[in-house]
């Protein structure tokens, strides 16, 4: 039977935890290396609902993208997701910025989803690669690119700035990368796809005739489940791996 430590070590081979950003908390956030694992639940975030789902479903490990403990905890309560997992004897392995910057990681998955071909790294932060400069299969417009993001990622809504230019090169950064549009523009891109875009970045991008697309933090990152499950199944064929049904986009749109 696989253990938490063996699964952690395997993830470390394709998304090295040493490559996480200094502010991050990727790794084994709940539980210990020797805990046996038969069932794995994957989730973008570990909420109390996800912890309850794991307990009710008989899972021994939850693997998430965002760390279940991200900021220091000043007190502990039973309602906190990490505490709920620990009380149920369930471990958590979280692969955040280590997976974002990995070869074949989150930004590669985003490029694949959008049908884009990565050309080069967009920027480096703390010596680690962030995002890509990509080419599209054919030149397109801002509206068409935005509609493709909505369709391919399953977004409820996509916000974007118009540009009169034809779009051939596109910057991408999963999650929160609104401020990186300037680096994309400097690299010759006419558009940038990311999430968590600030109003000020939209204003400046529009003023510069640049297409800045906010497809949402959730939708640009909730794409890792199948790829992770495939990798784990190859290495640990005895594992039962399921995607969380309890965690969905928490934002409603009217």
C-alpha atoms as a PDB file:
ATOM      1  CA  UNK A   1       0.000   0.000   0.000  1.00  0.00           C
ATOM      2  CA  UNK A   2       1.239   3.487  -0.869  1.00  0.00           C
ATOM      3  CA  UNK A   3       2.070   5.986   1.863  1.00  0.00           C
ATOM      4  CA  UNK A   4       1.756   9.761   2.054  1.00  0.00           C
ATOM      5  CA  UNK A   5       5.552  10.009   1.897  1.00  0.00           C
ATOM      6  CA  UNK A   6       5.792   7.889  -1.251  1.00  0.00           C
ATOM      7  CA  UNK A   7       3.122   9.974  -2.987  1.00  0.00           C
ATOM      8  CA  UNK A   8       4.823  13.193  -1.854  1.00  0.00           C
ATOM      9  CA  UNK A   9       8.181  11.924  -3.147  1.00  0.00           C
ATOM     10  CA  UNK A  10       6.641  11.040  -6.512  1.00  0.00           C
ATOM     11  CA  UNK A  11       5.021  14.465  -6.925  1.00  0.00           C
ATOM     12  CA  UNK A  12       8.412  15.926  -6.037  1.00  0.00           C
ATOM     13  CA  UNK A  13       9.907  14.255  -9.131  1.00  0.00           C
ATOM     14  CA  UNK A  14       7.774  16.256 -11.581  1.00  0.00           C
ATOM     15  CA  UNK A  15       6.886  19.333  -9.471  1.00  0.00           C
ATOM     16  CA  UNK A  16       9.815  19.780  -7.059  1.00  0.00           C
ATOM     17  CA  UNK A  17       8.660  21.288  -3.787  1.00  0.00           C
ATOM     18  CA  UNK A  18      12.034  23.048  -3.548  1.00  0.00           C
ATOM     19  CA  UNK A  19      10.914  25.222  -6.476  1.00  0.00           C
ATOM     20  CA  UNK A  20       8.063  26.866  -4.588  1.00  0.00           C
ATOM     21  CA  UNK A  21       8.111  30.604  -3.965  1.00  0.00           C
ATOM     22  CA  UNK A  22       9.380  31.835  -0.592  1.00  0.00           C
ATOM     23  CA  UNK A  23       5.884  32.942   0.504  1.00  0.00           C
ATOM     24  CA  UNK A  24       4.365  29.538  -0.249  1.00  0.00           C
ATOM     25  CA  UNK A  25       3.592  26.526   1.964  1.00  0.00           C
ATOM     26  CA  UNK A  26       3.566  23.618  -0.470  1.00  0.00           C
ATOM     27  CA  UNK A  27       4.279  20.172   0.934  1.00  0.00           C
ATOM     28  CA  UNK A  28       2.735  17.852   3.508  1.00  0.00           C
ATOM     29  CA  UNK A  29       0.500  20.306   5.363  1.00  0.00           C
ATOM     30  CA  UNK A  30      -1.456  17.754   7.419  1.00  0.00           C
ATOM     31  CA  UNK A  31      -0.438  14.282   8.571  1.00  0.00           C
ATOM     32  CA  UNK A  32       2.785  12.306   8.332  1.00  0.00           C
ATOM     33  CA  UNK A  33       4.830  10.464   5.736  1.00  0.00           C
ATOM     34  CA  UNK A  34       4.073   6.979   7.065  1.00  0.00           C
ATOM     35  CA  UNK A  35       0.291   7.235   6.820  1.00  0.00           C
ATOM     36  CA  UNK A  36      -1.094   4.520   4.465  1.00  0.00           C
ATOM     37  CA  UNK A  37      -3.196   5.643   1.497  1.00  0.00           C
ATOM     38  CA  UNK A  38      -5.836   3.737  -0.460  1.00  0.00           C
ATOM     39  CA  UNK A  39      -8.012   6.629  -1.635  1.00  0.00           C
ATOM     40  CA  UNK A  40      -6.960  10.098  -2.834  1.00  0.00           C
ATOM     41  CA  UNK A  41      -9.240  13.115  -3.283  1.00  0.00           C
ATOM     42  CA  UNK A  42      -8.066  16.035  -5.458  1.00  0.00           C
ATOM     43  CA  UNK A  43      -9.278  19.613  -4.956  1.00  0.00           C
ATOM     44  CA  UNK A  44      -8.174  23.078  -6.000  1.00  0.00           C
ATOM     45  CA  UNK A  45      -8.752  24.272  -2.425  1.00  0.00           C
ATOM     46  CA  UNK A  46      -9.396  22.367   0.793  1.00  0.00           C
ATOM     47  CA  UNK A  47     -12.444  23.852   2.477  1.00  0.00           C
ATOM     48  CA  UNK A  48     -14.379  22.447   5.437  1.00  0.00           C
ATOM     49  CA  UNK A  49     -16.794  20.940   2.898  1.00  0.00           C
ATOM     50  CA  UNK A  50     -13.903  19.168   1.151  1.00  0.00           C
ATOM     51  CA  UNK A  51     -12.589  17.889   4.488  1.00  0.00           C
ATOM     52  CA  UNK A  52     -16.056  16.534   5.317  1.00  0.00           C
ATOM     53  CA  UNK A  53     -16.308  14.976   1.849  1.00  0.00           C
ATOM     54  CA  UNK A  54     -12.960  13.238   2.373  1.00  0.00           C
ATOM     55  CA  UNK A  55     -14.009  11.905   5.770  1.00  0.00           C
ATOM     56  CA  UNK A  56     -17.397  10.647   4.570  1.00  0.00           C
ATOM     57  CA  UNK A  57     -15.845   9.088   1.460  1.00  0.00           C
ATOM     58  CA  UNK A  58     -13.154   7.180   3.322  1.00  0.00           C
ATOM     59  CA  UNK A  59     -10.225   9.052   1.777  1.00  0.00           C
ATOM     60  CA  UNK A  60      -6.848   8.981   3.512  1.00  0.00           C
ATOM     61  CA  UNK A  61      -5.243  11.809   1.504  1.00  0.00           C
ATOM     62  CA  UNK A  62      -6.368  15.060  -0.098  1.00  0.00           C
ATOM     63  CA  UNK A  63      -4.072  16.568  -2.722  1.00  0.00           C
ATOM     64  CA  UNK A  64      -4.780  20.231  -3.405  1.00  0.00           C
ATOM     65  CA  UNK A  65      -3.208  23.026  -5.381  1.00  0.00           C
ATOM     66  CA  UNK A  66      -3.668  25.793  -2.823  1.00  0.00           C
ATOM     67  CA  UNK A  67      -2.176  25.037   0.615  1.00  0.00           C
ATOM     68  CA  UNK A  68      -4.714  24.244   3.317  1.00  0.00           C
ATOM     69  CA  UNK A  69      -2.438  26.180   5.693  1.00  0.00           C
ATOM     70  CA  UNK A  70      -1.208  29.268   3.885  1.00  0.00           C
ATOM     71  CA  UNK A  71      -0.935  31.882   6.627  1.00  0.00           C
ATOM     72  CA  UNK A  72       0.094  31.301  10.256  1.00  0.00           C
ATOM     73  CA  UNK A  73      -2.778  30.053  12.425  1.00  0.00           C
ATOM     74  CA  UNK A  74      -3.190  32.029  15.649  1.00  0.00           C
ATOM     75  CA  UNK A  75      -5.728  29.603  17.081  1.00  0.00           C
ATOM     76  CA  UNK A  76      -7.212  26.204  16.247  1.00  0.00           C
ATOM     77  CA  UNK A  77     -10.898  25.374  15.900  1.00  0.00           C
ATOM     78  CA  UNK A  78     -12.681  22.239  14.757  1.00  0.00           C
ATOM     79  CA  UNK A  79     -14.170  24.133  11.801  1.00  0.00           C
ATOM     80  CA  UNK A  80     -10.798  24.908  10.237  1.00  0.00           C
ATOM     81  CA  UNK A  81     -10.188  22.594   7.254  1.00  0.00           C
ATOM     82  CA  UNK A  82      -6.717  21.522   8.405  1.00  0.00           C
ATOM     83  CA  UNK A  83      -8.004  20.685  11.882  1.00  0.00           C
ATOM     84  CA  UNK A  84     -10.995  18.825  10.438  1.00  0.00           C
ATOM     85  CA  UNK A  85      -8.640  16.703   8.323  1.00  0.00           C
ATOM     86  CA  UNK A  86      -6.347  15.989  11.263  1.00  0.00           C
ATOM     87  CA  UNK A  87      -9.299  15.035  13.490  1.00  0.00           C
ATOM     88  CA  UNK A  88     -10.388  12.531  10.832  1.00  0.00           C
ATOM     89  CA  UNK A  89      -6.891  11.098  10.363  1.00  0.00           C
ATOM     90  CA  UNK A  90      -6.643  12.440   6.809  1.00  0.00           C
ATOM     91  CA  UNK A  91      -3.424  13.846   5.344  1.00  0.00           C
ATOM     92  CA  UNK A  92      -3.032  16.776   2.953  1.00  0.00           C
ATOM     93  CA  UNK A  93      -0.341  17.296   0.317  1.00  0.00           C
ATOM     94  CA  UNK A  94      -0.441  20.705  -1.353  1.00  0.00           C
ATOM     95  CA  UNK A  95       1.449  21.535  -4.553  1.00  0.00           C
ATOM     96  CA  UNK A  96       1.046  25.252  -5.260  1.00  0.00           C
ATOM     97  CA  UNK A  97       3.750  27.414  -6.852  1.00  0.00           C
ATOM     98  CA  UNK A  98       5.945  24.316  -7.182  1.00  0.00           C
ATOM     99  CA  UNK A  99       3.351  22.951  -9.631  1.00  0.00           C
ATOM    100  CA  UNK A 100       2.780  26.338 -11.278  1.00  0.00           C
ATOM    101  CA  UNK A 101       6.407  26.551 -12.403  1.00  0.00           C
ATOM    102  CA  UNK A 102       6.968  22.857 -13.154  1.00  0.00           C
ATOM    103  CA  UNK A 103       7.603  21.564 -16.659  1.00  0.00           C
ATOM    104  CA  UNK A 104       4.257  20.051 -17.585  1.00  0.00           C
ATOM    105  CA  UNK A 105       2.640  21.881 -14.675  1.00  0.00           C
ATOM    106  CA  UNK A 106      -0.233  24.326 -14.394  1.00  0.00           C
ATOM    107  CA  UNK A 107       0.819  26.765 -17.117  1.00  0.00           C
ATOM    108  CA  UNK A 108       1.548  23.950 -19.564  1.00  0.00           C
ATOM    109  CA  UNK A 109      -1.932  22.594 -18.857  1.00  0.00           C
ATOM    110  CA  UNK A 110      -3.418  26.055 -19.419  1.00  0.00           C
ATOM    111  CA  UNK A 111      -1.600  26.396 -22.747  1.00  0.00           C
ATOM    112  CA  UNK A 112      -2.883  22.977 -23.825  1.00  0.00           C
ATOM    113  CA  UNK A 113      -6.446  23.840 -22.825  1.00  0.00           C
ATOM    114  CA  UNK A 114      -6.336  27.026 -24.881  1.00  0.00           C
ATOM    115  CA  UNK A 115      -4.624  25.406 -27.867  1.00  0.00           C
ATOM    116  CA  UNK A 116      -1.529  27.589 -27.522  1.00  0.00           C
ATOM    117  CA  UNK A 117       2.134  26.739 -28.140  1.00  0.00           C
ATOM    118  CA  UNK A 118       4.594  27.993 -25.482  1.00  0.00           C
ATOM    119  CA  UNK A 119       7.626  29.789 -26.916  1.00  0.00           C
ATOM    120  CA  UNK A 120       9.436  31.016 -23.824  1.00  0.00           C
ATOM    121  CA  UNK A 121       9.033  31.730 -20.123  1.00  0.00           C
ATOM    122  CA  UNK A 122       7.150  34.956 -19.451  1.00  0.00           C
ATOM    123  CA  UNK A 123       9.086  36.065 -16.349  1.00  0.00           C
ATOM    124  CA  UNK A 124      11.255  34.675 -13.585  1.00  0.00           C
ATOM    125  CA  UNK A 125      10.523  35.314  -9.909  1.00  0.00           C
ATOM    126  CA  UNK A 126      13.067  34.216  -7.311  1.00  0.00           C
ATOM    127  CA  UNK A 127      14.782  32.412 -10.171  1.00  0.00           C
ATOM    128  CA  UNK A 128      11.691  30.314 -10.942  1.00  0.00           C
ATOM    129  CA  UNK A 129       9.761  30.441 -14.236  1.00  0.00           C
ATOM    130  CA  UNK A 130       6.328  32.066 -14.215  1.00  0.00           C
ATOM    131  CA  UNK A 131       3.930  31.777 -17.164  1.00  0.00           C
ATOM    132  CA  UNK A 132       4.613  31.582 -20.885  1.00  0.00           C
ATOM    133  CA  UNK A 133       4.755  33.620 -24.051  1.00  0.00           C
ATOM    134  CA  UNK A 134       2.745  31.568 -26.551  1.00  0.00           C
ATOM    135  CA  UNK A 135       1.696  31.568 -30.176  1.00  0.00           C
ATOM    136  CA  UNK A 136      -1.814  30.852 -31.386  1.00  0.00           C
ATOM    137  CA  UNK A 137      -2.549  28.479 -34.281  1.00  0.00           C
ATOM    138  CA  UNK A 138      -3.866  31.477 -36.206  1.00  0.00           C
ATOM    139  CA  UNK A 139      -4.230  35.221 -35.683  1.00  0.00           C
ATOM    140  CA  UNK A 140      -7.379  36.133 -33.823  1.00  0.00           C
ATOM    141  CA  UNK A 141      -9.289  39.025 -32.279  1.00  0.00           C
ATOM    142  CA  UNK A 142      -9.739  39.985 -28.651  1.00  0.00           C
ATOM    143  CA  UNK A 143     -13.400  38.965 -28.647  1.00  0.00           C
ATOM    144  CA  UNK A 144     -12.699  35.597 -30.239  1.00  0.00           C
ATOM    145  CA  UNK A 145      -9.839  34.838 -27.850  1.00  0.00           C
ATOM    146  CA  UNK A 146     -11.994  35.777 -24.865  1.00  0.00           C
ATOM    147  CA  UNK A 147     -14.845  33.583 -26.122  1.00  0.00           C
ATOM    148  CA  UNK A 148     -12.441  30.679 -26.593  1.00  0.00           C
ATOM    149  CA  UNK A 149     -11.214  31.096 -23.019  1.00  0.00           C
ATOM    150  CA  UNK A 150     -14.802  30.986 -21.782  1.00  0.00           C
ATOM    151  CA  UNK A 151     -15.622  27.914 -23.854  1.00  0.00           C
ATOM    152  CA  UNK A 152     -12.458  25.903 -23.265  1.00  0.00           C
ATOM    153  CA  UNK A 153     -12.115  26.668 -19.551  1.00  0.00           C
ATOM    154  CA  UNK A 154     -15.820  26.576 -18.764  1.00  0.00           C
ATOM    155  CA  UNK A 155     -15.860  30.077 -17.254  1.00  0.00           C
ATOM    156  CA  UNK A 156     -19.098  31.648 -16.040  1.00  0.00           C
ATOM    157  CA  UNK A 157     -17.877  35.015 -17.260  1.00  0.00           C
ATOM    158  CA  UNK A 158     -14.744  36.434 -18.902  1.00  0.00           C
ATOM    159  CA  UNK A 159     -13.666  40.071 -18.613  1.00  0.00           C
ATOM    160  CA  UNK A 160     -11.339  41.543 -21.202  1.00  0.00           C
ATOM    161  CA  UNK A 161     -10.094  44.718 -22.862  1.00  0.00           C
ATOM    162  CA  UNK A 162     -10.495  45.231 -26.585  1.00  0.00           C
ATOM    163  CA  UNK A 163      -7.657  45.871 -28.992  1.00  0.00           C
ATOM    164  CA  UNK A 164      -7.765  46.756 -32.687  1.00  0.00           C
ATOM    165  CA  UNK A 165      -4.659  44.650 -33.266  1.00  0.00           C
ATOM    166  CA  UNK A 166      -4.670  41.100 -34.586  1.00  0.00           C
ATOM    167  CA  UNK A 167      -3.497  38.745 -31.858  1.00  0.00           C
ATOM    168  CA  UNK A 168      -0.718  36.289 -32.713  1.00  0.00           C
ATOM    169  CA  UNK A 169       1.328  36.130 -29.484  1.00  0.00           C
ATOM    170  CA  UNK A 170      -0.328  35.614 -26.118  1.00  0.00           C
ATOM    171  CA  UNK A 171       1.037  35.681 -22.590  1.00  0.00           C
ATOM    172  CA  UNK A 172      -0.453  33.284 -20.057  1.00  0.00           C
ATOM    173  CA  UNK A 173      -0.190  32.931 -16.298  1.00  0.00           C
ATOM    174  CA  UNK A 174      -2.541  30.699 -14.335  1.00  0.00           C
ATOM    175  CA  UNK A 175      -4.155  32.012 -11.160  1.00  0.00           C
ATOM    176  CA  UNK A 176      -3.207  35.569 -10.309  1.00  0.00           C
ATOM    177  CA  UNK A 177      -1.041  37.289 -12.906  1.00  0.00           C
ATOM    178  CA  UNK A 178      -2.791  40.500 -13.920  1.00  0.00           C
ATOM    179  CA  UNK A 179       0.270  42.653 -13.332  1.00  0.00           C
ATOM    180  CA  UNK A 180       2.355  40.555 -15.725  1.00  0.00           C
ATOM    181  CA  UNK A 181       0.643  41.942 -18.834  1.00  0.00           C
ATOM    182  CA  UNK A 182       3.425  44.541 -19.130  1.00  0.00           C
ATOM    183  CA  UNK A 183       6.025  41.771 -19.379  1.00  0.00           C
ATOM    184  CA  UNK A 184       3.860  40.074 -21.994  1.00  0.00           C
ATOM    185  CA  UNK A 185       3.592  43.309 -23.989  1.00  0.00           C
ATOM    186  CA  UNK A 186       7.360  43.814 -23.749  1.00  0.00           C
ATOM    187  CA  UNK A 187       7.818  40.292 -25.147  1.00  0.00           C
ATOM    188  CA  UNK A 188       5.754  41.202 -28.212  1.00  0.00           C
ATOM    189  CA  UNK A 189       2.404  39.800 -27.107  1.00  0.00           C
ATOM    190  CA  UNK A 190      -0.847  41.476 -28.081  1.00  0.00           C
ATOM    191  CA  UNK A 191      -2.841  39.689 -25.345  1.00  0.00           C
ATOM    192  CA  UNK A 192      -2.542  38.113 -21.903  1.00  0.00           C
ATOM    193  CA  UNK A 193      -4.734  35.426 -20.302  1.00  0.00           C
ATOM    194  CA  UNK A 194      -4.751  35.179 -16.516  1.00  0.00           C
ATOM    195  CA  UNK A 195      -6.960  35.772 -13.461  1.00  0.00           C
ATOM    196  CA  UNK A 196      -7.430  38.237 -10.594  1.00  0.00           C
ATOM    197  CA  UNK A 197      -6.922  41.308 -12.790  1.00  0.00           C
ATOM    198  CA  UNK A 198      -7.067  44.672 -10.992  1.00  0.00           C
ATOM    199  CA  UNK A 199      -9.070  47.620 -12.287  1.00  0.00           C
ATOM    200  CA  UNK A 200      -5.891  49.680 -12.684  1.00  0.00           C
ATOM    201  CA  UNK A 201      -4.335  47.001 -14.895  1.00  0.00           C
ATOM    202  CA  UNK A 202      -7.442  46.867 -17.078  1.00  0.00           C
ATOM    203  CA  UNK A 203      -7.350  50.669 -17.439  1.00  0.00           C
ATOM    204  CA  UNK A 204      -3.669  50.790 -18.365  1.00  0.00           C
ATOM    205  CA  UNK A 205      -3.897  47.817 -20.730  1.00  0.00           C
ATOM    206  CA  UNK A 206      -6.889  49.326 -22.535  1.00  0.00           C
ATOM    207  CA  UNK A 207      -5.089  52.660 -22.795  1.00  0.00           C
ATOM    208  CA  UNK A 208      -2.185  50.860 -24.473  1.00  0.00           C
ATOM    209  CA  UNK A 209      -4.357  48.905 -26.906  1.00  0.00           C
ATOM    210  CA  UNK A 210      -3.516  45.618 -25.194  1.00  0.00           C
ATOM    211  CA  UNK A 211      -5.989  42.752 -24.780  1.00  0.00           C
ATOM    212  CA  UNK A 212      -5.976  41.724 -21.101  1.00  0.00           C
ATOM    213  CA  UNK A 213      -8.224  38.748 -20.358  1.00  0.00           C
ATOM    214  CA  UNK A 214      -9.388  37.790 -16.868  1.00  0.00           C
ATOM    215  CA  UNK A 215     -10.668  34.216 -17.128  1.00  0.00           C
ATOM    216  CA  UNK A 216     -10.689  33.831 -13.354  1.00  0.00           C
ATOM    217  CA  UNK A 217      -8.323  32.337 -10.808  1.00  0.00           C
ATOM    218  CA  UNK A 218     -10.581  29.304 -10.391  1.00  0.00           C
ATOM    219  CA  UNK A 219     -10.939  28.487 -14.085  1.00  0.00           C
ATOM    220  CA  UNK A 220      -7.293  28.963 -15.047  1.00  0.00           C
ATOM    221  CA  UNK A 221      -6.237  26.528 -12.314  1.00  0.00           C
ATOM    222  CA  UNK A 222      -9.099  24.073 -11.843  1.00  0.00           C
ATOM    223  CA  UNK A 223      -7.645  22.152 -14.776  1.00  0.00           C
ATOM    224  CA  UNK A 224      -5.066  20.037 -12.970  1.00  0.00           C
ATOM    225  CA  UNK A 225      -7.230  17.140 -11.758  1.00  0.00           C
ATOM    226  CA  UNK A 226      -7.067  14.848 -14.794  1.00  0.00           C
ATOM    227  CA  UNK A 227      -3.333  15.347 -15.377  1.00  0.00           C
ATOM    228  CA  UNK A 228      -2.502  14.697 -11.725  1.00  0.00           C
ATOM    229  CA  UNK A 229      -4.781  11.654 -11.550  1.00  0.00           C
ATOM    230  CA  UNK A 230      -3.170  10.223 -14.705  1.00  0.00           C
ATOM    231  CA  UNK A 231       0.340  10.615 -13.285  1.00  0.00           C
ATOM    232  CA  UNK A 232      -0.596   9.106  -9.928  1.00  0.00           C
ATOM    233  CA  UNK A 233      -2.430   6.181 -11.555  1.00  0.00           C
ATOM    234  CA  UNK A 234       0.652   5.299 -13.607  1.00  0.00           C
ATOM    235  CA  UNK A 235       2.881   5.193 -10.518  1.00  0.00           C
ATOM    236  CA  UNK A 236       0.319   3.850  -8.035  1.00  0.00           C
ATOM    237  CA  UNK A 237      -2.206   1.753 -10.002  1.00  0.00           C
ATOM    238  CA  UNK A 238      -3.780   0.463  -6.793  1.00  0.00           C
ATOM    239  CA  UNK A 239      -4.898   3.944  -5.704  1.00  0.00           C
ATOM    240  CA  UNK A 240      -8.494   5.087  -6.019  1.00  0.00           C
ATOM    241  CA  UNK A 241      -8.324   8.730  -7.169  1.00  0.00           C
ATOM    242  CA  UNK A 242     -11.382  10.968  -7.277  1.00  0.00           C
ATOM    243  CA  UNK A 243     -12.034  14.634  -7.944  1.00  0.00           C
ATOM    244  CA  UNK A 244     -13.780  16.639  -5.239  1.00  0.00           C
ATOM    245  CA  UNK A 245     -17.441  17.336  -5.868  1.00  0.00           C
ATOM    246  CA  UNK A 246     -17.709  19.588  -2.814  1.00  0.00           C
ATOM    247  CA  UNK A 247     -15.459  22.359  -4.147  1.00  0.00           C
ATOM    248  CA  UNK A 248     -16.754  24.348  -7.087  1.00  0.00           C
ATOM    249  CA  UNK A 249     -16.382  27.978  -8.167  1.00  0.00           C
ATOM    250  CA  UNK A 250     -17.416  29.894  -5.016  1.00  0.00           C
ATOM    251  CA  UNK A 251     -18.366  32.992  -7.021  1.00  0.00           C
ATOM    252  CA  UNK A 252     -21.933  33.508  -8.248  1.00  0.00           C
ATOM    253  CA  UNK A 253     -22.751  35.664 -11.272  1.00  0.00           C
ATOM    254  CA  UNK A 254     -26.044  37.427 -12.015  1.00  0.00           C
END
